[in-house]
Every structure is written in structure tokens, then in C-alpha cells.
Amino acid sequence: MSDINPTKTLDVRGLYCPEPVFRTKIEMDKLSVGNVLKIIADDPDAEEDITRWVDRNGHDLIKLIKEDNQLIFLIKKSK
């Protein structure tokens, strides 16, 4: 992950569906194309929810890291 520098970090730990996806959308809307958003979540459903949202909206999931009980997503804005 050291080779990827996120433009912004979004910490949604402690929040559950649909909040992590909702807040991801809000932050992605603020970014410019090519920027990277780092999301830290601990909702087990976030893996499927955020991954689907990324696919549906045409962005790129650069990396998904699972550490203990948390998920770290790196998403590049594509459009």
C-alpha cells in the first residue's frame, strides 16, 4: 500500500449498512477523476456492498485489504 497515496481517507468504522456506501458516494463525488479514496470499515457487509457500488459506478477498486476485523479499500475515481 505504500506505493499508493490516497487523496482522502474515510473512516466508517462503527457504521453499518447503508452508511459506509452512502458516505463513500459522498466522498467520491467530491474527488477529481484519478484521485484515490481510502476507506476503513468494520462492517462485514461492507466488502460486498462497497465492491458492488464501485463496479456499478465505473470506478476502480485498486486494492482490498483485510486486517483483523477491518477492511481497507483503495478506490480510484474513474469518471
Protein backbone atom coordinates (compact mmCIF):
# COMPACT_ATOMS: atom_id res chain seq x y z
CA MET A 1 0.00 0.00 0.00
CA SER A 2 3.00 2.29 0.37
CA ASP A 3 3.12 2.88 -3.41
CA ILE A 4 -0.44 4.26 -3.45
CA ASN A 5 -1.06 7.67 -1.91
CA PRO A 6 -4.76 8.21 -1.24
CA THR A 7 -6.13 11.69 -1.82
CA LYS A 8 -8.55 11.29 1.10
CA THR A 9 -9.22 8.77 3.87
CA LEU A 10 -12.73 7.92 5.01
CA ASP A 11 -13.14 6.12 8.34
CA VAL A 12 -16.55 4.44 8.59
CA ARG A 13 -15.72 2.05 11.43
CA GLY A 14 -18.70 1.58 13.71
CA LEU A 15 -21.17 2.35 10.92
CA TYR A 16 -23.35 -0.28 9.28
CA CYS A 17 -25.26 -0.68 6.04
CA PRO A 18 -26.12 1.55 4.28
CA GLU A 19 -23.91 4.24 5.87
CA PRO A 20 -20.48 3.04 4.58
CA VAL A 21 -21.73 3.02 0.96
CA PHE A 22 -23.63 6.29 1.38
CA ARG A 23 -20.58 8.07 2.80
CA THR A 24 -18.33 6.52 0.14
CA LYS A 25 -20.56 8.02 -2.56
CA ILE A 26 -20.48 11.45 -0.93
CA GLU A 27 -16.67 11.46 -0.72
CA MET A 28 -16.18 10.07 -4.24
CA ASP A 29 -18.41 12.85 -5.62
CA LYS A 30 -16.01 15.41 -4.10
CA LEU A 31 -12.91 13.90 -5.73
CA SER A 32 -11.48 14.57 -9.18
CA VAL A 33 -11.01 11.82 -11.75
CA GLY A 34 -7.82 9.90 -10.96
CA ASN A 35 -7.92 10.61 -7.22
CA VAL A 36 -7.87 7.71 -4.75
CA LEU A 37 -10.15 7.30 -1.74
CA LYS A 38 -9.06 5.08 1.15
CA ILE A 39 -11.95 3.65 3.17
CA ILE A 40 -11.56 1.90 6.52
CA ALA A 41 -14.63 -0.14 7.54
CA ASP A 42 -15.50 -2.82 10.05
CA ASP A 43 -19.00 -3.75 8.84
CA PRO A 44 -18.71 -7.32 7.47
CA ASP A 45 -21.25 -6.43 4.75
CA ALA A 46 -19.11 -3.52 3.54
CA GLU A 47 -16.93 -5.83 1.44
CA GLU A 48 -19.81 -6.84 -0.81
CA ASP A 49 -21.69 -3.53 -0.59
CA ILE A 50 -18.78 -1.23 -1.45
CA THR A 51 -17.36 -3.60 -4.08
CA ARG A 52 -20.73 -3.71 -5.85
CA TRP A 53 -21.11 0.06 -5.62
CA VAL A 54 -17.65 0.56 -7.17
CA ASP A 55 -18.48 -1.80 -10.06
CA ARG A 56 -21.90 -0.22 -10.68
CA ASN A 57 -20.46 3.28 -10.76
CA GLY A 58 -17.49 2.56 -13.02
CA HIS A 59 -14.69 3.27 -10.55
CA ASP A 60 -11.63 1.07 -9.97
CA LEU A 61 -11.11 -0.97 -6.82
CA ILE A 62 -7.32 -0.82 -6.67
CA LYS A 63 -6.92 -2.87 -3.53
CA LEU A 64 -8.93 -4.52 -0.76
CA ILE A 65 -7.03 -5.40 2.40
CA LYS A 66 -8.49 -7.46 5.22
CA GLU A 67 -6.77 -6.84 8.56
CA ASP A 68 -8.24 -8.45 11.66
CA ASN A 69 -11.85 -7.27 11.75
CA GLN A 70 -11.46 -4.33 9.42
CA LEU A 71 -11.48 -3.79 5.67
CA ILE A 72 -9.38 -1.22 3.84
CA PHE A 73 -10.47 -0.24 0.34
CA LEU A 74 -8.50 1.84 -2.14
CA ILE A 75 -10.80 3.17 -4.85
CA LYS A 76 -9.71 5.25 -7.83
CA LYS A 77 -12.27 7.64 -9.29
CA SER A 78 -12.63 6.81 -12.97
CA LYS A 79 -15.35 9.16 -14.18
